[in-house]
Amino acid sequence: MIMRDMPMRTILAQINSVLEELEENGLHVEADALHEIFVKLSKKKKKKSGKNVPNDPALWASCQAWAKRTYDVHPSAYSNSGAVRRYESKGGTWRSE
Protein backbone atom coordinates (compact mmCIF):
# COMPACT_ATOMS: atom_id res chain seq x y z
CA MET A 1 0.00 0.00 0.00
CA ILE A 2 1.45 3.37 -1.03
CA MET A 3 0.36 5.91 1.57
CA ARG A 4 1.49 9.07 -0.24
CA ASP A 5 -1.27 8.65 -2.83
CA MET A 6 -3.97 8.23 -0.17
CA PRO A 7 -5.87 11.15 1.34
CA MET A 8 -4.90 12.02 4.90
CA ARG A 9 -8.42 11.23 6.14
CA THR A 10 -8.09 7.63 4.91
CA ILE A 11 -4.69 7.19 6.52
CA LEU A 12 -5.95 8.52 9.85
CA ALA A 13 -8.98 6.21 9.70
CA GLN A 14 -6.73 3.20 9.13
CA ILE A 15 -4.42 4.18 11.99
CA ASN A 16 -7.46 4.58 14.23
CA SER A 17 -8.74 1.09 13.37
CA VAL A 18 -5.30 -0.40 14.13
CA LEU A 19 -5.31 1.49 17.45
CA GLU A 20 -8.65 -0.03 18.40
CA GLU A 21 -7.42 -3.55 17.56
CA LEU A 22 -4.25 -3.08 19.62
CA GLU A 23 -6.24 -1.90 22.63
CA GLU A 24 -8.70 -4.80 22.29
CA ASN A 25 -5.79 -7.29 22.30
CA GLY A 26 -4.24 -5.71 25.40
CA LEU A 27 -1.22 -4.17 23.67
CA HIS A 28 -1.47 -0.84 25.44
CA VAL A 29 2.20 0.19 25.11
CA GLU A 30 2.10 -0.25 21.34
CA ALA A 31 -1.26 1.52 21.18
CA ASP A 32 0.15 4.50 23.09
CA ALA A 33 3.11 4.76 20.71
CA LEU A 34 0.81 4.62 17.70
CA HIS A 35 -1.52 7.14 19.33
CA GLU A 36 1.33 9.68 19.51
CA ILE A 37 1.91 9.23 15.76
CA PHE A 38 -1.83 9.59 15.16
CA VAL A 39 -1.93 12.89 17.07
CA LYS A 40 1.09 14.28 15.19
CA LEU A 41 -0.40 13.37 11.80
CA SER A 42 -3.82 14.76 12.63
CA LYS A 43 -2.31 18.10 13.68
CA LYS A 44 -0.34 18.52 10.45
CA LYS A 45 -1.79 21.15 8.17
CA LYS A 46 -1.74 20.94 4.44
CA LYS A 47 0.74 23.41 3.01
CA LYS A 48 -0.60 25.83 0.47
CA SER A 49 1.46 26.89 -2.47
CA GLY A 50 0.58 30.50 -1.75
CA LYS A 51 0.30 31.23 -5.44
CA ASN A 52 -2.61 33.39 -6.51
CA VAL A 53 -4.38 32.41 -9.71
CA PRO A 54 -6.69 34.71 -11.70
CA ASN A 55 -10.35 33.69 -11.87
CA ASP A 56 -10.60 35.18 -15.39
CA PRO A 57 -7.52 34.02 -17.35
CA ALA A 58 -8.57 35.79 -20.55
CA LEU A 59 -8.84 39.15 -18.78
CA TRP A 60 -5.52 38.54 -17.04
CA ALA A 61 -3.84 37.75 -20.37
CA SER A 62 -5.17 40.97 -21.91
CA CYS A 63 -3.91 42.97 -18.92
CA GLN A 64 -0.48 41.37 -19.22
CA ALA A 65 -0.41 42.21 -22.94
CA TRP A 66 -1.34 45.80 -22.08
CA ALA A 67 1.53 45.93 -19.57
CA LYS A 68 3.99 44.61 -22.19
CA ARG A 69 2.94 47.35 -24.61
CA THR A 70 2.93 50.11 -21.98
CA TYR A 71 6.13 49.50 -20.00
CA ASP A 72 9.62 49.46 -21.49
CA VAL A 73 10.82 46.52 -19.38
CA HIS A 74 8.58 43.50 -18.96
CA PRO A 75 8.55 41.51 -16.76
CA SER A 76 9.36 43.93 -13.98
CA ALA A 77 7.81 44.91 -10.68
CA TYR A 78 6.30 48.03 -12.23
CA SER A 79 4.74 46.28 -15.22
CA ASN A 80 3.41 43.41 -13.08
CA SER A 81 1.84 45.78 -10.58
CA GLY A 82 0.37 47.78 -13.45
CA ALA A 83 -1.15 44.62 -14.90
CA VAL A 84 -2.58 43.67 -11.48
CA ARG A 85 -4.09 47.12 -10.98
CA ARG A 86 -5.67 47.04 -14.44
CA TYR A 87 -6.96 43.48 -13.91
CA GLU A 88 -8.55 44.36 -10.57
CA SER A 89 -10.00 47.64 -11.89
CA LYS A 90 -11.77 45.68 -14.64
CA GLY A 91 -13.36 43.41 -12.03
CA GLY A 92 -10.84 40.57 -11.98
CA THR A 93 -10.48 38.53 -8.80
CA TRP A 94 -7.96 36.00 -7.47
CA ARG A 95 -8.04 32.63 -5.76
CA SER A 96 -5.34 30.69 -3.95
CA GLU A 97 -4.00 27.63 -5.69
PDB file of N, CA and C in Angstrom:
ATOM      1  N   MET A   1       0.852  -1.172   0.000  1.00  0.00           N
ATOM      2  CA  MET A   1       0.000   0.000   0.000  1.00  0.00           C
ATOM      3  C   MET A   1       0.901   1.238   0.000  1.00  0.00           C
ATOM      4  N   ILE A   2       0.685   2.128  -0.943  1.00  0.00           N
ATOM      5  CA  ILE A   2       1.449   3.371  -1.029  1.00  0.00           C
ATOM      6  C   ILE A   2       0.623   4.452  -0.355  1.00  0.00           C
ATOM      7  N   MET A   3       1.138   4.975   0.760  1.00  0.00           N
ATOM      8  CA  MET A   3       0.362   5.910   1.566  1.00  0.00           C
ATOM      9  C   MET A   3       0.402   7.330   1.022  1.00  0.00           C
ATOM     10  N   ARG A   4       1.398   7.686   0.225  1.00  0.00           N
ATOM     11  CA  ARG A   4       1.494   9.070  -0.237  1.00  0.00           C
ATOM     12  C   ARG A   4       0.392   9.418  -1.234  1.00  0.00           C
ATOM     13  N   ASP A   5      -0.202   8.402  -1.880  1.00  0.00           N
ATOM     14  CA  ASP A   5      -1.275   8.647  -2.832  1.00  0.00           C
ATOM     15  C   ASP A   5      -2.647   8.664  -2.167  1.00  0.00           C
ATOM     16  N   MET A   6      -2.696   8.291  -0.886  1.00  0.00           N
ATOM     17  CA  MET A   6      -3.970   8.227  -0.174  1.00  0.00           C
ATOM     18  C   MET A   6      -4.267   9.564   0.499  1.00  0.00           C
ATOM     19  N   PRO A   7      -5.534   9.928   0.603  1.00  0.00           N
ATOM     20  CA  PRO A   7      -5.866  11.146   1.338  1.00  0.00           C
ATOM     21  C   PRO A   7      -5.582  10.962   2.830  1.00  0.00           C
ATOM     22  N   MET A   8      -5.257  12.074   3.482  1.00  0.00           N
ATOM     23  CA  MET A   8      -4.896  12.024   4.899  1.00  0.00           C
ATOM     24  C   MET A   8      -6.034  11.441   5.736  1.00  0.00           C
ATOM     25  N   ARG A   9      -7.261  11.731   5.384  1.00  0.00           N
ATOM     26  CA  ARG A   9      -8.416  11.230   6.137  1.00  0.00           C
ATOM     27  C   ARG A   9      -8.443   9.704   6.140  1.00  0.00           C
ATOM     28  N   THR A  10      -8.102   9.085   5.009  1.00  0.00           N
ATOM     29  CA  THR A  10      -8.091   7.630   4.909  1.00  0.00           C
ATOM     30  C   THR A  10      -6.977   7.036   5.754  1.00  0.00           C
ATOM     31  N   ILE A  11      -5.820   7.677   5.723  1.00  0.00           N
ATOM     32  CA  ILE A  11      -4.689   7.195   6.520  1.00  0.00           C
ATOM     33  C   ILE A  11      -5.024   7.260   8.006  1.00  0.00           C
ATOM     34  N   LEU A  12      -5.599   8.373   8.437  1.00  0.00           N
ATOM     35  CA  LEU A  12      -5.952   8.516   9.851  1.00  0.00           C
ATOM     36  C   LEU A  12      -7.010   7.501  10.267  1.00  0.00           C
ATOM     37  N   ALA A  13      -7.957   7.205   9.390  1.00  0.00           N
ATOM     38  CA  ALA A  13      -8.985   6.208   9.699  1.00  0.00           C
ATOM     39  C   ALA A  13      -8.364   4.825   9.857  1.00  0.00           C
ATOM     40  N   GLN A  14      -7.392   4.493   9.018  1.00  0.00           N
ATOM     41  CA  GLN A  14      -6.731   3.197   9.126  1.00  0.00           C
ATOM     42  C   GLN A  14      -5.899   3.106  10.404  1.00  0.00           C
ATOM     43  N   ILE A  15      -5.197   4.174  10.747  1.00  0.00           N
ATOM     44  CA  ILE A  15      -4.423   4.178  11.990  1.00  0.00           C
ATOM     45  C   ILE A  15      -5.360   4.017  13.183  1.00  0.00           C
ATOM     46  N   ASN A  16      -6.509   4.674  13.137  1.00  0.00           N
ATOM     47  CA  ASN A  16      -7.464   4.585  14.227  1.00  0.00           C
ATOM     48  C   ASN A  16      -7.994   3.155  14.380  1.00  0.00           C
ATOM     49  N   SER A  17      -8.250   2.476  13.279  1.00  0.00           N
ATOM     50  CA  SER A  17      -8.739   1.090  13.372  1.00  0.00           C
ATOM     51  C   SER A  17      -7.658   0.167  13.936  1.00  0.00           C
ATOM     52  N   VAL A  18      -6.401   0.391  13.570  1.00  0.00           N
ATOM     53  CA  VAL A  18      -5.300  -0.400  14.128  1.00  0.00           C
ATOM     54  C   VAL A  18      -5.172  -0.127  15.624  1.00  0.00           C
ATOM     55  N   LEU A  19      -5.346   1.129  16.030  1.00  0.00           N
ATOM     56  CA  LEU A  19      -5.310   1.486  17.448  1.00  0.00           C
ATOM     57  C   LEU A  19      -6.359   0.721  18.240  1.00  0.00           C
ATOM     58  N   GLU A  20      -7.573   0.676  17.710  1.00  0.00           N
ATOM     59  CA  GLU A  20      -8.655  -0.029  18.400  1.00  0.00           C
ATOM     60  C   GLU A  20      -8.344  -1.514  18.544  1.00  0.00           C
ATOM     61  N   GLU A  21      -7.775  -2.135  17.495  1.00  0.00           N
ATOM     62  CA  GLU A  21      -7.422  -3.550  17.562  1.00  0.00           C
ATOM     63  C   GLU A  21      -6.318  -3.801  18.580  1.00  0.00           C
ATOM     64  N   LEU A  22      -5.324  -2.919  18.638  1.00  0.00           N
ATOM     65  CA  LEU A  22      -4.248  -3.077  19.616  1.00  0.00           C
ATOM     66  C   LEU A  22      -4.787  -2.995  21.035  1.00  0.00           C
ATOM     67  N   GLU A  23      -5.678  -2.048  21.293  1.00  0.00           N
ATOM     68  CA  GLU A  23      -6.236  -1.901  22.632  1.00  0.00           C
ATOM     69  C   GLU A  23      -7.118  -3.091  23.000  1.00  0.00           C
ATOM     70  N   GLU A  24      -7.865  -3.634  22.024  1.00  0.00           N
ATOM     71  CA  GLU A  24      -8.698  -4.805  22.292  1.00  0.00           C
ATOM     72  C   GLU A  24      -7.866  -6.027  22.643  1.00  0.00           C
ATOM     73  N   ASN A  25      -6.668  -6.148  22.050  1.00  0.00           N
ATOM     74  CA  ASN A  25      -5.787  -7.290  22.296  1.00  0.00           C
ATOM     75  C   ASN A  25      -4.868  -7.079  23.494  1.00  0.00           C
ATOM     76  N   GLY A  26      -5.023  -5.954  24.193  1.00  0.00           N
ATOM     77  CA  GLY A  26      -4.242  -5.713  25.400  1.00  0.00           C
ATOM     78  C   GLY A  26      -2.853  -5.179  25.161  1.00  0.00           C
ATOM     79  N   LEU A  27      -2.543  -4.721  23.985  1.00  0.00           N
ATOM     80  CA  LEU A  27      -1.223  -4.175  23.669  1.00  0.00           C
ATOM     81  C   LEU A  27      -1.246  -2.656  23.867  1.00  0.00           C
ATOM     82  N   HIS A  28      -1.295  -2.256  25.121  1.00  0.00           N
ATOM     83  CA  HIS A  28      -1.473  -0.840  25.436  1.00  0.00           C
ATOM     84  C   HIS A  28      -0.229   0.001  25.163  1.00  0.00           C
ATOM     85  N   VAL A  29       0.962  -0.563  25.353  1.00  0.00           N
ATOM     86  CA  VAL A  29       2.200   0.191  25.106  1.00  0.00           C
ATOM     87  C   VAL A  29       2.318   0.518  23.615  1.00  0.00           C
ATOM     88  N   GLU A  30       2.046  -0.470  22.779  1.00  0.00           N
ATOM     89  CA  GLU A  30       2.102  -0.253  21.336  1.00  0.00           C
ATOM     90  C   GLU A  30       1.016   0.722  20.891  1.00  0.00           C
ATOM     91  N   ALA A  31      -0.158   0.621  21.510  1.00  0.00           N
ATOM     92  CA  ALA A  31      -1.261   1.515  21.181  1.00  0.00           C
ATOM     93  C   ALA A  31      -0.917   2.948  21.551  1.00  0.00           C
ATOM     94  N   ASP A  32      -0.247   3.143  22.693  1.00  0.00           N
ATOM     95  CA  ASP A  32       0.145   4.498  23.087  1.00  0.00           C
ATOM     96  C   ASP A  32       1.165   5.093  22.114  1.00  0.00           C
ATOM     97  N   ALA A  33       2.112   4.276  21.671  1.00  0.00           N
ATOM     98  CA  ALA A  33       3.115   4.758  20.714  1.00  0.00           C
ATOM     99  C   ALA A  33       2.443   5.138  19.395  1.00  0.00           C
ATOM    100  N   LEU A  34       1.519   4.318  18.939  1.00  0.00           N
ATOM    101  CA  LEU A  34       0.810   4.622  17.698  1.00  0.00           C
ATOM    102  C   LEU A  34      -0.114   5.820  17.867  1.00  0.00           C
ATOM    103  N   HIS A  35      -0.642   5.988  19.059  1.00  0.00           N
ATOM    104  CA  HIS A  35      -1.517   7.138  19.331  1.00  0.00           C
ATOM    105  C   HIS A  35      -0.748   8.449  19.194  1.00  0.00           C
ATOM    106  N   GLU A  36       0.509   8.473  19.651  1.00  0.00           N
ATOM    107  CA  GLU A  36       1.332   9.675  19.508  1.00  0.00           C
ATOM    108  C   GLU A  36       1.545  10.021  18.030  1.00  0.00           C
ATOM    109  N   ILE A  37       1.756   8.999  17.202  1.00  0.00           N
ATOM    110  CA  ILE A  37       1.905   9.233  15.764  1.00  0.00           C
ATOM    111  C   ILE A  37       0.601   9.750  15.182  1.00  0.00           C
ATOM    112  N   PHE A  38      -0.513   9.178  15.613  1.00  0.00           N
ATOM    113  CA  PHE A  38      -1.834   9.593  15.157  1.00  0.00           C
ATOM    114  C   PHE A  38      -2.078  11.067  15.467  1.00  0.00           C
ATOM    115  N   VAL A  39      -1.717  11.492  16.664  1.00  0.00           N
ATOM    116  CA  VAL A  39      -1.925  12.886  17.069  1.00  0.00           C
ATOM    117  C   VAL A  39      -1.053  13.814  16.227  1.00  0.00           C
ATOM    118  N   LYS A  40       0.198  13.436  16.000  1.00  0.00           N
ATOM    119  CA  LYS A  40       1.086  14.276  15.187  1.00  0.00           C
ATOM    120  C   LYS A  40       0.575  14.415  13.759  1.00  0.00           C
ATOM    121  N   LEU A  41       0.113  13.319  13.168  1.00  0.00           N
ATOM    122  CA  LEU A  41      -0.396  13.368  11.801  1.00  0.00           C
ATOM    123  C   LEU A  41      -1.680  14.175  11.699  1.00  0.00           C
ATOM    124  N   SER A  42      -2.543  14.050  12.703  1.00  0.00           N
ATOM    125  CA  SER A  42      -3.819  14.761  12.633  1.00  0.00           C
ATOM    126  C   SER A  42      -3.636  16.259  12.830  1.00  0.00           C
ATOM    127  N   LYS A  43      -2.557  16.679  13.471  1.00  0.00           N
ATOM    128  CA  LYS A  43      -2.311  18.102  13.681  1.00  0.00           C
ATOM    129  C   LYS A  43      -1.603  18.759  12.499  1.00  0.00           C
ATOM    130  N   LYS A  44      -1.038  17.955  11.607  1.00  0.00           N
ATOM    131  CA  LYS A  44      -0.342  18.524  10.452  1.00  0.00           C
ATOM    132  C   LYS A  44      -1.337  19.229   9.556  1.00  0.00           C
ATOM    133  N   LYS A  45      -0.944  20.395   9.081  1.00  0.00           N
ATOM    134  CA  LYS A  45      -1.791  21.149   8.168  1.00  0.00           C
ATOM    135  C   LYS A  45      -1.236  21.011   6.765  1.00  0.00           C
ATOM    136  N   LYS A  46      -2.135  21.016   5.834  1.00  0.00           N
ATOM    137  CA  LYS A  46      -1.736  20.941   4.440  1.00  0.00           C
ATOM    138  C   LYS A  46      -1.109  22.271   4.038  1.00  0.00           C
ATOM    139  N   LYS A  47       0.054  22.189   3.434  1.00  0.00           N
ATOM    140  CA  LYS A  47       0.737  23.409   3.008  1.00  0.00           C
ATOM    141  C   LYS A  47       0.116  23.919   1.721  1.00  0.00           C
ATOM    142  N   LYS A  48      -0.094  25.210   1.683  1.00  0.00           N
ATOM    143  CA  LYS A  48      -0.601  25.833   0.474  1.00  0.00           C
ATOM    144  C   LYS A  48       0.572  26.355  -0.337  1.00  0.00           C
ATOM    145  N   SER A  49       0.377  26.386  -1.625  1.00  0.00           N
ATOM    146  CA  SER A  49       1.456  26.885  -2.473  1.00  0.00           C
ATOM    147  C   SER A  49       1.614  28.397  -2.331  1.00  0.00           C
ATOM    148  N   GLY A  50       0.519  29.061  -1.933  1.00  0.00           N
ATOM    149  CA  GLY A  50       0.577  30.500  -1.749  1.00  0.00           C
ATOM    150  C   GLY A  50       0.509  31.270  -3.045  1.00  0.00           C
ATOM    151  N   LYS A  51       0.342  30.570  -4.144  1.00  0.00           N
ATOM    152  CA  LYS A  51       0.305  31.229  -5.440  1.00  0.00           C
ATOM    153  C   LYS A  51      -1.128  31.654  -5.734  1.00  0.00           C
ATOM    154  N   ASN A  52      -1.289  32.891  -6.137  1.00  0.00           N
ATOM    155  CA  ASN A  52      -2.608  33.389  -6.512  1.00  0.00           C
ATOM    156  C   ASN A  52      -2.827  33.166  -8.000  1.00  0.00           C
ATOM    157  N   VAL A  53      -4.027  32.729  -8.332  1.00  0.00           N
ATOM    158  CA  VAL A  53      -4.384  32.412  -9.712  1.00  0.00           C
ATOM    159  C   VAL A  53      -5.575  33.286 -10.096  1.00  0.00           C
ATOM    160  N   PRO A  54      -5.550  33.873 -11.300  1.00  0.00           N
ATOM    161  CA  PRO A  54      -6.689  34.709 -11.701  1.00  0.00           C
ATOM    162  C   PRO A  54      -7.929  33.859 -11.976  1.00  0.00           C
ATOM    163  N   ASN A  55      -9.093  34.384 -11.592  1.00  0.00           N
ATOM    164  CA  ASN A  55     -10.349  33.693 -11.873  1.00  0.00           C
ATOM    165  C   ASN A  55     -10.786  33.879 -13.317  1.00  0.00           C
ATOM    166  N   ASP A  56     -10.282  34.912 -13.981  1.00  0.00           N
ATOM    167  CA  ASP A  56     -10.604  35.178 -15.391  1.00  0.00           C
ATOM    168  C   ASP A  56      -9.298  35.215 -16.180  1.00  0.00           C
ATOM    169  N   PRO A  57      -8.807  34.059 -16.659  1.00  0.00           N
ATOM    170  CA  PRO A  57      -7.516  34.016 -17.348  1.00  0.00           C
ATOM    171  C   PRO A  57      -7.461  34.869 -18.617  1.00  0.00           C
ATOM    172  N   ALA A  58      -8.575  34.991 -19.323  1.00  0.00           N
ATOM    173  CA  ALA A  58      -8.572  35.791 -20.550  1.00  0.00           C
ATOM    174  C   ALA A  58      -8.350  37.271 -20.228  1.00  0.00           C
ATOM    175  N   LEU A  59      -9.023  37.762 -19.203  1.00  0.00           N
ATOM    176  CA  LEU A  59      -8.844  39.150 -18.782  1.00  0.00           C
ATOM    177  C   LEU A  59      -7.420  39.375 -18.288  1.00  0.00           C
ATOM    178  N   TRP A  60      -6.885  38.422 -17.542  1.00  0.00           N
ATOM    179  CA  TRP A  60      -5.520  38.540 -17.038  1.00  0.00           C
ATOM    180  C   TRP A  60      -4.524  38.576 -18.200  1.00  0.00           C
ATOM    181  N   ALA A  61      -4.735  37.753 -19.213  1.00  0.00           N
ATOM    182  CA  ALA A  61      -3.843  37.745 -20.374  1.00  0.00           C
ATOM    183  C   ALA A  61      -3.892  39.079 -21.112  1.00  0.00           C
ATOM    184  N   SER A  62      -5.077  39.668 -21.229  1.00  0.00           N
ATOM    185  CA  SER A  62      -5.168  40.971 -21.906  1.00  0.00           C
ATOM    186  C   SER A  62      -4.494  42.059 -21.079  1.00  0.00           C
ATOM    187  N   CYS A  63      -4.579  41.978 -19.775  1.00  0.00           N
ATOM    188  CA  CYS A  63      -3.908  42.970 -18.916  1.00  0.00           C
ATOM    189  C   CYS A  63      -2.392  42.813 -18.974  1.00  0.00           C
ATOM    190  N   GLN A  64      -1.912  41.579 -19.080  1.00  0.00           N
ATOM    191  CA  GLN A  64      -0.478  41.369 -19.224  1.00  0.00           C
ATOM    192  C   GLN A  64       0.006  41.899 -20.581  1.00  0.00           C
ATOM    193  N   ALA A  65      -0.779  41.686 -21.616  1.00  0.00           N
ATOM    194  CA  ALA A  65      -0.412  42.208 -22.939  1.00  0.00           C
ATOM    195  C   ALA A  65      -0.378  43.731 -22.918  1.00  0.00           C
ATOM    196  N   TRP A  66      -1.327  44.341 -22.232  1.00  0.00           N
ATOM    197  CA  TRP A  66      -1.338  45.800 -22.083  1.00  0.00           C
ATOM    198  C   TRP A  66      -0.066  46.265 -21.382  1.00  0.00           C
ATOM    199  N   ALA A  67       0.335  45.550 -20.320  1.00  0.00           N
ATOM    200  CA  ALA A  67       1.535  45.931 -19.572  1.00  0.00           C
ATOM    201  C   ALA A  67       2.789  45.801 -20.444  1.00  0.00           C
ATOM    202  N   LYS A  68       2.835  44.776 -21.288  1.00  0.00           N
ATOM    203  CA  LYS A  68       3.987  44.606 -22.185  1.00  0.00           C
ATOM    204  C   LYS A  68       4.094  45.756 -23.179  1.00  0.00           C
ATOM    205  N   ARG A  69       2.942  46.227 -23.659  1.00  0.00           N
ATOM    206  CA  ARG A  69       2.944  47.351 -24.608  1.00  0.00           C
ATOM    207  C   ARG A  69       3.264  48.674 -23.919  1.00  0.00           C
ATOM    208  N   THR A  70       2.840  48.826 -22.675  1.00  0.00           N
ATOM    209  CA  THR A  70       2.927  50.110 -21.984  1.00  0.00           C
ATOM    210  C   THR A  70       4.295  50.352 -21.355  1.00  0.00           C
ATOM    211  N   TYR A  71       4.867  49.338 -20.730  1.00  0.00           N
ATOM    212  CA  TYR A  71       6.131  49.501 -20.003  1.00  0.00           C
ATOM    213  C   TYR A  71       7.304  49.073 -20.873  1.00  0.00           C
ATOM    214  N   ASP A  72       8.430  49.765 -20.703  1.00  0.00           N
ATOM    215  CA  ASP A  72       9.622  49.462 -21.490  1.00  0.00           C
ATOM    216  C   ASP A  72      10.213  48.105 -21.132  1.00  0.00           C
ATOM    217  N   VAL A  73      10.237  47.781 -19.839  1.00  0.00           N
ATOM    218  CA  VAL A  73      10.818  46.524 -19.379  1.00  0.00           C
ATOM    219  C   VAL A  73       9.695  45.640 -18.847  1.00  0.00           C
ATOM    220  N   HIS A  74       9.568  44.469 -19.453  1.00  0.00           N
ATOM    221  CA  HIS A  74       8.581  43.501 -18.962  1.00  0.00           C
ATOM    222  C   HIS A  74       9.204  42.129 -19.050  1.00  0.00           C
ATOM    223  N   PRO A  75       9.200  41.331 -18.052  1.00  0.00           N
ATOM    224  CA  PRO A  75       8.549  41.513 -16.760  1.00  0.00           C
ATOM    225  C   PRO A  75       9.401  42.352 -15.806  1.00  0.00           C
ATOM    226  N   SER A  76       8.732  43.146 -15.046  1.00  0.00           N
ATOM    227  CA  SER A  76       9.360  43.932 -13.984  1.00  0.00           C
ATOM    228  C   SER A  76       8.302  44.164 -12.914  1.00  0.00           C
ATOM    229  N   ALA A  77       8.743  44.652 -11.772  1.00  0.00           N
ATOM    230  CA  ALA A  77       7.810  44.906 -10.679  1.00  0.00           C
ATOM    231  C   ALA A  77       6.778  45.955 -11.085  1.00  0.00           C
ATOM    232  N   TYR A  78       7.220  46.965 -11.814  1.00  0.00           N
ATOM    233  CA  TYR A  78       6.300  48.032 -12.229  1.00  0.00           C
ATOM    234  C   TYR A  78       5.255  47.519 -13.224  1.00  0.00           C
ATOM    235  N   SER A  79       5.711  46.765 -14.219  1.00  0.00           N
ATOM    236  CA  SER A  79       4.742  46.283 -15.218  1.00  0.00           C
ATOM    237  C   SER A  79       3.789  45.254 -14.622  1.00  0.00           C
ATOM    238  N   ASN A  80       4.293  44.389 -13.722  1.00  0.00           N
ATOM    239  CA  ASN A  80       3.411  43.408 -13.083  1.00  0.00           C
ATOM    240  C   ASN A  80       2.376  44.084 -12.196  1.00  0.00           C
ATOM    241  N   SER A  81       2.807  45.090 -11.437  1.00  0.00           N
ATOM    242  CA  SER A  81       1.839  45.784 -10.579  1.00  0.00           C
ATOM    243  C   SER A  81       0.839  46.567 -11.417  1.00  0.00           C
ATOM    244  N   GLY A  82       1.292  47.102 -12.548  1.00  0.00           N
ATOM    245  CA  GLY A  82       0.370  47.783 -13.450  1.00  0.00           C
ATOM    246  C   GLY A  82      -0.669  46.831 -14.022  1.00  0.00           C
ATOM    247  N   ALA A  83      -0.228  45.625 -14.377  1.00  0.00           N
ATOM    248  CA  ALA A  83      -1.154  44.620 -14.902  1.00  0.00           C
ATOM    249  C   ALA A  83      -2.155  44.195 -13.830  1.00  0.00           C
ATOM    250  N   VAL A  84      -1.691  44.047 -12.588  1.00  0.00           N
ATOM    251  CA  VAL A  84      -2.581  43.666 -11.483  1.00  0.00           C
ATOM    252  C   VAL A  84      -3.610  44.757 -11.234  1.00  0.00           C
ATOM    253  N   ARG A  85      -3.150  46.012 -11.201  1.00  0.00           N
ATOM    254  CA  ARG A  85      -4.090  47.123 -10.983  1.00  0.00           C
ATOM    255  C   ARG A  85      -5.143  47.187 -12.081  1.00  0.00           C
ATOM    256  N   ARG A  86      -4.720  47.004 -13.318  1.00  0.00           N
ATOM    257  CA  ARG A  86      -5.668  47.036 -14.443  1.00  0.00           C
ATOM    258  C   ARG A  86      -6.641  45.860 -14.360  1.00  0.00           C
ATOM    259  N   TYR A  87      -6.124  44.673 -14.029  1.00  0.00           N
ATOM    260  CA  TYR A  87      -6.964  43.477 -13.908  1.00  0.00           C
ATOM    261  C   TYR A  87      -8.030  43.661 -12.831  1.00  0.00           C
ATOM    262  N   GLU A  88      -7.608  44.172 -11.672  1.00  0.00           N
ATOM    263  CA  GLU A  88      -8.554  44.364 -10.573  1.00  0.00           C
ATOM    264  C   GLU A  88      -9.528  45.508 -10.847  1.00  0.00           C
ATOM    265  N   SER A  89      -9.090  46.545 -11.573  1.00  0.00           N
ATOM    266  CA  SER A  89      -9.999  47.643 -11.890  1.00  0.00           C
ATOM    267  C   SER A  89     -11.081  47.215 -12.889  1.00  0.00           C
ATOM    268  N   LYS A  90     -10.788  46.199 -13.685  1.00  0.00           N
ATOM    269  CA  LYS A  90     -11.770  45.684 -14.640  1.00  0.00           C
ATOM    270  C   LYS A  90     -12.648  44.584 -14.026  1.00  0.00           C
ATOM    271  N   GLY A  91     -12.499  44.371 -12.715  1.00  0.00           N
ATOM    272  CA  GLY A  91     -13.360  43.406 -12.026  1.00  0.00           C
ATOM    273  C   GLY A  91     -12.753  42.028 -11.854  1.00  0.00           C
ATOM    274  N   GLY A  92     -11.488  41.869 -12.147  1.00  0.00           N
ATOM    275  CA  GLY A  92     -10.837  40.568 -11.983  1.00  0.00           C
ATOM    276  C   GLY A  92     -10.596  40.252 -10.514  1.00  0.00           C
ATOM    277  N   THR A  93     -10.718  38.992 -10.177  1.00  0.00           N
ATOM    278  CA  THR A  93     -10.477  38.526  -8.802  1.00  0.00           C
ATOM    279  C   THR A  93      -9.461  37.384  -8.819  1.00  0.00           C
ATOM    280  N   TRP A  94      -8.993  37.021  -7.627  1.00  0.00           N
ATOM    281  CA  TRP A  94      -7.957  36.000  -7.469  1.00  0.00           C
ATOM    282  C   TRP A  94      -8.456  34.888  -6.554  1.00  0.00           C
ATOM    283  N   ARG A  95      -7.819  33.739  -6.691  1.00  0.00           N
ATOM    284  CA  ARG A  95      -8.043  32.632  -5.757  1.00  0.00           C
ATOM    285  C   ARG A  95      -6.693  31.982  -5.474  1.00  0.00           C
ATOM    286  N   SER A  96      -6.586  31.366  -4.303  1.00  0.00           N
ATOM    287  CA  SER A  96      -5.343  30.687  -3.951  1.00  0.00           C
ATOM    288  C   SER A  96      -5.312  29.321  -4.592  1.00  0.00           C
ATOM    289  N   GLU A  97      -4.155  28.937  -5.043  1.00  0.00           N
ATOM    290  CA  GLU A  97      -4.001  27.625  -5.691  1.00  0.00           C
ATOM    291  C   GLU A  97      -3.861  26.550  -4.674  1.00  0.00           C
TER     292      GLU A  97
END
